[in-house]
């Protein structure tokens, strides 16, 4: 078995937060909904898409925001959400870490 160095604590924390946030089916679907839009999405439009109360959706959005997957802006009383630009890099990093390393051909 080949040795694998532990991830630096900062990288571990970032990946664990993203995985925890995406482990909930509702949060995964919220992220997919927001990611499928061409610009920021009003929280009111997100609430309309799910059969959940507004406080529950707000909680899910908070978890996604705190995990670094979403960012928010406010216009008046409305909050707008969009994918954090670094989110794709975090998920790409996770895929690279979990992908098996290419095997070397055995010597004959």
C-alpha atoms as a PDB file:
ATOM      1  CA  UNK A   1       0.000   0.000   0.000  1.00  0.00           C
ATOM      2  CA  UNK A   2       1.394   3.372  -0.907  1.00  0.00           C
ATOM      3  CA  UNK A   3       1.627   6.132   1.627  1.00  0.00           C
ATOM      4  CA  UNK A   4      -0.721   9.108   1.365  1.00  0.00           C
ATOM      5  CA  UNK A   5       0.098  12.308   3.188  1.00  0.00           C
ATOM      6  CA  UNK A   6      -2.674  13.869   5.266  1.00  0.00           C
ATOM      7  CA  UNK A   7      -4.286  16.986   3.885  1.00  0.00           C
ATOM      8  CA  UNK A   8      -3.358  20.263   5.538  1.00  0.00           C
ATOM      9  CA  UNK A   9      -5.909  21.145   8.239  1.00  0.00           C
ATOM     10  CA  UNK A  10      -7.256  24.117   6.265  1.00  0.00           C
ATOM     11  CA  UNK A  11      -7.946  21.945   3.205  1.00  0.00           C
ATOM     12  CA  UNK A  12      -9.525  19.241   5.378  1.00  0.00           C
ATOM     13  CA  UNK A  13     -11.816  21.759   7.035  1.00  0.00           C
ATOM     14  CA  UNK A  14     -12.925  23.225   3.705  1.00  0.00           C
ATOM     15  CA  UNK A  15     -13.680  19.811   2.177  1.00  0.00           C
ATOM     16  CA  UNK A  16     -15.426  18.469   5.271  1.00  0.00           C
ATOM     17  CA  UNK A  17     -17.655  21.561   5.418  1.00  0.00           C
ATOM     18  CA  UNK A  18     -18.591  21.152   1.739  1.00  0.00           C
ATOM     19  CA  UNK A  19     -19.311  17.421   2.109  1.00  0.00           C
ATOM     20  CA  UNK A  20     -21.401  17.992   5.236  1.00  0.00           C
ATOM     21  CA  UNK A  21     -23.404  20.709   3.512  1.00  0.00           C
ATOM     22  CA  UNK A  22     -24.036  18.540   0.459  1.00  0.00           C
ATOM     23  CA  UNK A  23     -24.930  15.462   2.513  1.00  0.00           C
ATOM     24  CA  UNK A  24     -28.468  16.791   2.913  1.00  0.00           C
ATOM     25  CA  UNK A  25     -30.704  16.149  -0.131  1.00  0.00           C
ATOM     26  CA  UNK A  26     -32.493  19.494   0.192  1.00  0.00           C
ATOM     27  CA  UNK A  27     -29.224  21.432   0.302  1.00  0.00           C
ATOM     28  CA  UNK A  28     -27.942  19.517  -2.700  1.00  0.00           C
ATOM     29  CA  UNK A  29     -31.090  20.442  -4.643  1.00  0.00           C
ATOM     30  CA  UNK A  30     -30.894  24.075  -3.510  1.00  0.00           C
ATOM     31  CA  UNK A  31     -27.312  24.244  -4.747  1.00  0.00           C
ATOM     32  CA  UNK A  32     -28.305  22.636  -8.056  1.00  0.00           C
ATOM     33  CA  UNK A  33     -31.197  25.106  -8.439  1.00  0.00           C
ATOM     34  CA  UNK A  34     -28.998  28.135  -7.800  1.00  0.00           C
ATOM     35  CA  UNK A  35     -26.188  26.781  -9.962  1.00  0.00           C
ATOM     36  CA  UNK A  36     -28.584  26.333 -12.861  1.00  0.00           C
ATOM     37  CA  UNK A  37     -29.470  30.021 -13.005  1.00  0.00           C
ATOM     38  CA  UNK A  38     -27.724  32.720 -15.013  1.00  0.00           C
ATOM     39  CA  UNK A  39     -27.467  35.100 -12.058  1.00  0.00           C
ATOM     40  CA  UNK A  40     -28.250  35.551  -8.372  1.00  0.00           C
ATOM     41  CA  UNK A  41     -31.519  34.029  -7.125  1.00  0.00           C
ATOM     42  CA  UNK A  42     -33.865  35.722  -4.673  1.00  0.00           C
ATOM     43  CA  UNK A  43     -34.534  33.737  -1.514  1.00  0.00           C
ATOM     44  CA  UNK A  44     -38.254  34.152  -2.202  1.00  0.00           C
ATOM     45  CA  UNK A  45     -37.874  32.215  -5.461  1.00  0.00           C
ATOM     46  CA  UNK A  46     -35.968  29.447  -3.697  1.00  0.00           C
ATOM     47  CA  UNK A  47     -38.666  29.129  -1.033  1.00  0.00           C
ATOM     48  CA  UNK A  48     -41.326  28.845  -3.767  1.00  0.00           C
ATOM     49  CA  UNK A  49     -39.565  25.817  -5.282  1.00  0.00           C
ATOM     50  CA  UNK A  50     -39.586  23.638  -2.158  1.00  0.00           C
ATOM     51  CA  UNK A  51     -42.321  22.244   0.058  1.00  0.00           C
ATOM     52  CA  UNK A  52     -40.595  23.575   3.166  1.00  0.00           C
ATOM     53  CA  UNK A  53     -41.142  26.561   5.431  1.00  0.00           C
ATOM     54  CA  UNK A  54     -39.118  29.718   4.839  1.00  0.00           C
ATOM     55  CA  UNK A  55     -37.123  29.355   8.091  1.00  0.00           C
ATOM     56  CA  UNK A  56     -36.075  25.837   7.041  1.00  0.00           C
ATOM     57  CA  UNK A  57     -34.901  27.061   3.633  1.00  0.00           C
ATOM     58  CA  UNK A  58     -33.052  29.917   5.342  1.00  0.00           C
ATOM     59  CA  UNK A  59     -31.288  27.413   7.583  1.00  0.00           C
ATOM     60  CA  UNK A  60     -30.213  25.333   4.572  1.00  0.00           C
ATOM     61  CA  UNK A  61     -28.962  28.458   2.800  1.00  0.00           C
ATOM     62  CA  UNK A  62     -26.990  29.440   5.893  1.00  0.00           C
ATOM     63  CA  UNK A  63     -25.294  26.029   5.993  1.00  0.00           C
ATOM     64  CA  UNK A  64     -24.411  26.277   2.291  1.00  0.00           C
ATOM     65  CA  UNK A  65     -23.107  29.816   2.756  1.00  0.00           C
ATOM     66  CA  UNK A  66     -21.024  28.915   5.816  1.00  0.00           C
ATOM     67  CA  UNK A  67     -19.543  25.943   3.965  1.00  0.00           C
ATOM     68  CA  UNK A  68     -18.238  28.292   1.280  1.00  0.00           C
ATOM     69  CA  UNK A  69     -20.505  26.993  -1.485  1.00  0.00           C
ATOM     70  CA  UNK A  70     -22.808  30.030  -1.728  1.00  0.00           C
ATOM     71  CA  UNK A  71     -22.473  33.760  -1.370  1.00  0.00           C
ATOM     72  CA  UNK A  72     -25.209  36.257  -0.676  1.00  0.00           C
ATOM     73  CA  UNK A  73     -25.990  39.868  -1.403  1.00  0.00           C
ATOM     74  CA  UNK A  74     -28.851  42.035  -0.201  1.00  0.00           C
ATOM     75  CA  UNK A  75     -31.058  44.427  -2.107  1.00  0.00           C
ATOM     76  CA  UNK A  76     -33.523  46.126   0.183  1.00  0.00           C
ATOM     77  CA  UNK A  77     -35.149  43.423   2.297  1.00  0.00           C
ATOM     78  CA  UNK A  78     -34.338  40.596  -0.142  1.00  0.00           C
ATOM     79  CA  UNK A  79     -31.350  38.299  -0.050  1.00  0.00           C
ATOM     80  CA  UNK A  80     -29.949  36.958  -3.323  1.00  0.00           C
ATOM     81  CA  UNK A  81     -27.840  33.821  -3.545  1.00  0.00           C
ATOM     82  CA  UNK A  82     -25.326  32.618  -6.088  1.00  0.00           C
ATOM     83  CA  UNK A  83     -22.633  29.987  -6.269  1.00  0.00           C
ATOM     84  CA  UNK A  84     -19.401  31.075  -4.620  1.00  0.00           C
ATOM     85  CA  UNK A  85     -16.812  31.300  -7.413  1.00  0.00           C
ATOM     86  CA  UNK A  86     -14.355  29.127  -5.445  1.00  0.00           C
ATOM     87  CA  UNK A  87     -16.986  26.404  -4.890  1.00  0.00           C
ATOM     88  CA  UNK A  88     -16.220  24.645  -8.170  1.00  0.00           C
ATOM     89  CA  UNK A  89     -12.529  24.614  -7.278  1.00  0.00           C
ATOM     90  CA  UNK A  90     -13.288  23.018  -3.901  1.00  0.00           C
ATOM     91  CA  UNK A  91     -15.407  20.300  -5.520  1.00  0.00           C
ATOM     92  CA  UNK A  92     -12.795  19.737  -8.252  1.00  0.00           C
ATOM     93  CA  UNK A  93     -10.168  19.396  -5.532  1.00  0.00           C
ATOM     94  CA  UNK A  94     -12.310  16.788  -3.782  1.00  0.00           C
ATOM     95  CA  UNK A  95     -12.660  14.825  -7.012  1.00  0.00           C
ATOM     96  CA  UNK A  96      -8.901  14.936  -7.595  1.00  0.00           C
ATOM     97  CA  UNK A  97      -8.180  13.738  -4.053  1.00  0.00           C
ATOM     98  CA  UNK A  98     -10.612  10.849  -4.331  1.00  0.00           C
ATOM     99  CA  UNK A  99      -9.621   9.768  -7.844  1.00  0.00           C
ATOM    100  CA  UNK A 100      -7.287   6.803  -7.883  1.00  0.00           C
ATOM    101  CA  UNK A 101      -3.760   7.543  -8.964  1.00  0.00           C
ATOM    102  CA  UNK A 102      -2.748   5.982 -12.265  1.00  0.00           C
ATOM    103  CA  UNK A 103      -1.025   2.658 -11.796  1.00  0.00           C
ATOM    104  CA  UNK A 104       2.370   1.998 -13.206  1.00  0.00           C
ATOM    105  CA  UNK A 105       2.707  -0.905 -15.560  1.00  0.00           C
ATOM    106  CA  UNK A 106       4.164  -3.973 -13.895  1.00  0.00           C
ATOM    107  CA  UNK A 107       7.655  -4.946 -14.928  1.00  0.00           C
ATOM    108  CA  UNK A 108       7.973  -8.239 -16.698  1.00  0.00           C
END
